[in-house]
């Protein structure tokens, strides 16, 4: 059991959230329909992992985004290292872990956003449900990458076992 081989899905997840941190606003600008969830107050896309605040967002927003990105990576790491079964189950475990992590990250982001704007109970519930749905959607759309990385780690484990 190699740490590098088992952490491949987590590395892929960190690369994805880093790309959202660096290029997320460029993606939303190039494809305007991706900004629709943000127009209704939901967090945009996946959380972005970045070192400094973007524009006028401030440190609280940046730290929340980084924590949400680490929650996403942590869920993927935990699920993919504790998986059982063959290659197909591993692929769907990685994909499902990414979707679950994206939903958890969206939940964290929605709670932080609702506290920032001092939302009432109805707005709070709407933000939480919307962020969970948006996180699941983004997780399903991009989770295949973590699934393929999990599948690759299973292939490496099989090759090592045969040797």
Protein backbone atom coordinates (compact mmCIF):
# COMPACT_ATOMS: atom_id res chain seq x y z
CA UNK A 1 0.00 0.00 0.00
CA UNK A 2 1.75 3.09 -1.23
CA UNK A 3 0.80 6.51 0.08
CA UNK A 4 1.31 8.08 -3.34
CA UNK A 5 -0.80 5.49 -5.12
CA UNK A 6 -3.63 5.72 -2.58
CA UNK A 7 -3.61 9.51 -2.59
CA UNK A 8 -4.00 9.88 -6.36
CA UNK A 9 -7.75 10.74 -6.14
CA UNK A 10 -6.96 13.35 -3.49
CA UNK A 11 -4.23 14.88 -5.63
CA UNK A 12 -6.62 15.08 -8.59
CA UNK A 13 -9.23 16.72 -6.33
CA UNK A 14 -6.70 19.28 -5.09
CA UNK A 15 -5.73 20.05 -8.69
CA UNK A 16 -9.39 20.63 -9.58
CA UNK A 17 -10.03 22.99 -6.65
CA UNK A 18 -6.75 24.78 -7.37
CA UNK A 19 -7.90 25.29 -10.96
CA UNK A 20 -11.17 26.73 -9.65
CA UNK A 21 -9.14 29.03 -7.41
CA UNK A 22 -6.97 30.27 -10.26
CA UNK A 23 -9.35 30.17 -13.23
CA UNK A 24 -12.85 30.06 -11.74
CA UNK A 25 -13.79 33.63 -12.55
CA UNK A 26 -12.37 33.29 -16.06
CA UNK A 27 -14.53 30.22 -16.65
CA UNK A 28 -17.64 32.05 -15.44
CA UNK A 29 -16.80 35.02 -17.65
CA UNK A 30 -16.23 32.87 -20.74
CA UNK A 31 -19.40 30.82 -20.22
CA UNK A 32 -21.88 33.26 -18.73
CA UNK A 33 -24.58 30.67 -18.00
CA UNK A 34 -22.27 29.18 -15.34
CA UNK A 35 -22.72 32.37 -13.31
CA UNK A 36 -26.49 31.84 -12.96
CA UNK A 37 -26.26 30.11 -9.54
CA UNK A 38 -24.19 33.03 -8.27
CA UNK A 39 -26.83 35.45 -9.50
CA UNK A 40 -29.34 33.93 -7.08
CA UNK A 41 -26.86 33.94 -4.19
CA UNK A 42 -25.50 30.40 -4.36
CA UNK A 43 -21.77 29.68 -4.26
CA UNK A 44 -20.23 29.45 -7.71
CA UNK A 45 -18.86 26.08 -8.76
CA UNK A 46 -16.49 24.20 -6.53
CA UNK A 47 -14.56 25.97 -3.81
CA UNK A 48 -11.35 27.51 -5.02
CA UNK A 49 -8.06 26.88 -3.27
CA UNK A 50 -6.05 30.10 -3.35
CA UNK A 51 -3.38 31.85 -1.31
CA UNK A 52 -4.68 35.41 -1.37
CA UNK A 53 -8.14 36.98 -1.56
CA UNK A 54 -9.61 37.55 -4.99
CA UNK A 55 -10.57 41.16 -5.65
CA UNK A 56 -12.58 42.65 -2.80
CA UNK A 57 -13.63 39.36 -1.23
CA UNK A 58 -11.52 39.57 1.93
CA UNK A 59 -9.73 37.04 4.07
CA UNK A 60 -12.82 35.53 5.71
CA UNK A 61 -14.19 34.52 2.30
CA UNK A 62 -10.82 33.18 1.18
CA UNK A 63 -10.36 31.12 4.34
CA UNK A 64 -13.89 29.73 4.01
CA UNK A 65 -13.22 28.76 0.39
CA UNK A 66 -9.92 27.11 1.34
CA UNK A 67 -11.55 25.22 4.21
CA UNK A 68 -14.36 24.06 1.90
CA UNK A 69 -11.80 22.91 -0.68
CA UNK A 70 -9.95 20.96 2.01
CA UNK A 71 -13.23 19.41 3.18
CA UNK A 72 -13.85 18.25 -0.39
CA UNK A 73 -10.36 16.77 -0.64
CA UNK A 74 -10.68 15.21 2.81
CA UNK A 75 -13.93 13.45 1.95
CA UNK A 76 -12.39 12.09 -1.25
CA UNK A 77 -9.29 10.94 0.65
CA UNK A 78 -11.27 9.23 3.39
CA UNK A 79 -13.72 7.45 1.11
CA UNK A 80 -11.18 6.31 -1.46
CA UNK A 81 -8.78 4.91 1.14
CA UNK A 82 -11.59 2.99 2.88
CA UNK A 83 -13.20 1.55 -0.24
CA UNK A 84 -13.79 -2.10 -0.91
CA UNK A 85 -14.44 -4.08 -4.07
CA UNK A 86 -13.20 -4.23 -7.60
CA UNK A 87 -12.48 -1.69 -10.28
CA UNK A 88 -16.06 -0.66 -11.08
CA UNK A 89 -16.89 -0.14 -7.42
CA UNK A 90 -13.67 1.85 -6.99
CA UNK A 91 -14.56 4.12 -9.91
CA UNK A 92 -18.00 4.86 -8.52
CA UNK A 93 -16.59 5.22 -5.00
CA UNK A 94 -14.25 7.95 -6.24
CA UNK A 95 -16.99 9.64 -8.22
CA UNK A 96 -19.47 9.42 -5.35
CA UNK A 97 -16.89 10.65 -2.85
CA UNK A 98 -16.24 13.69 -5.02
CA UNK A 99 -19.97 14.44 -5.30
CA UNK A 100 -20.47 13.97 -1.56
CA UNK A 101 -17.45 16.16 -0.80
CA UNK A 102 -18.68 18.85 -3.18
CA UNK A 103 -22.07 18.83 -1.44
CA UNK A 104 -20.40 19.08 1.98
CA UNK A 105 -18.21 21.93 0.74
CA UNK A 106 -21.29 23.68 -0.66
CA UNK A 107 -23.01 23.29 2.70
CA UNK A 108 -20.05 24.88 4.49
CA UNK A 109 -19.96 27.74 2.01
CA UNK A 110 -23.71 28.34 2.33
CA UNK A 111 -23.57 28.45 6.12
CA UNK A 112 -20.70 30.96 6.00
CA UNK A 113 -22.52 33.06 3.41
CA UNK A 114 -25.77 33.08 5.37
CA UNK A 115 -23.91 34.18 8.50
CA UNK A 116 -22.19 36.95 6.56
CA UNK A 117 -25.44 38.38 5.18
CA UNK A 118 -27.36 37.66 8.42
CA UNK A 119 -30.02 35.69 6.55
CA UNK A 120 -33.33 34.83 8.12
CA UNK A 121 -34.52 31.26 8.59
CA UNK A 122 -36.19 31.00 5.16
CA UNK A 123 -33.22 32.47 3.32
CA UNK A 124 -30.88 30.28 5.35
CA UNK A 125 -32.80 27.14 4.41
CA UNK A 126 -32.91 28.20 0.76
CA UNK A 127 -29.17 28.88 0.69
CA UNK A 128 -28.35 25.56 2.33
CA UNK A 129 -30.61 23.51 0.05
CA UNK A 130 -29.47 25.37 -3.05
CA UNK A 131 -25.80 25.00 -2.15
CA UNK A 132 -26.26 21.27 -1.49
CA UNK A 133 -27.92 20.86 -4.88
CA UNK A 134 -25.30 22.97 -6.67
CA UNK A 135 -22.49 21.05 -4.94
CA UNK A 136 -24.00 17.73 -5.96
CA UNK A 137 -24.40 18.90 -9.55
CA UNK A 138 -20.79 20.08 -9.76
CA UNK A 139 -19.69 16.88 -8.04
CA UNK A 140 -21.50 14.74 -10.57
CA UNK A 141 -20.14 16.80 -13.47
CA UNK A 142 -16.48 16.68 -12.37
CA UNK A 143 -16.41 13.60 -10.14
CA UNK A 144 -15.42 11.31 -12.99
CA UNK A 145 -11.86 12.65 -12.69
CA UNK A 146 -11.60 11.41 -9.10
CA UNK A 147 -13.24 8.17 -10.19
CA UNK A 148 -10.64 7.61 -12.89
CA UNK A 149 -7.86 8.40 -10.41
CA UNK A 150 -9.33 5.85 -8.01
CA UNK A 151 -9.55 3.36 -10.85
CA UNK A 152 -5.89 4.00 -11.68
CA UNK A 153 -4.90 3.37 -8.07
CA UNK A 154 -6.81 0.06 -8.15
CA UNK A 155 -4.97 -0.90 -11.34
CA UNK A 156 -1.66 -0.12 -9.67
CA UNK A 157 -2.63 -2.18 -6.61
CA UNK A 158 -3.54 -5.11 -8.86
CA UNK A 159 -0.24 -4.88 -10.73
CA UNK A 160 1.71 -4.80 -7.46
CA UNK A 161 -0.27 -7.78 -6.14
CA UNK A 162 0.51 -9.80 -9.28
CA UNK A 163 4.20 -9.04 -9.00
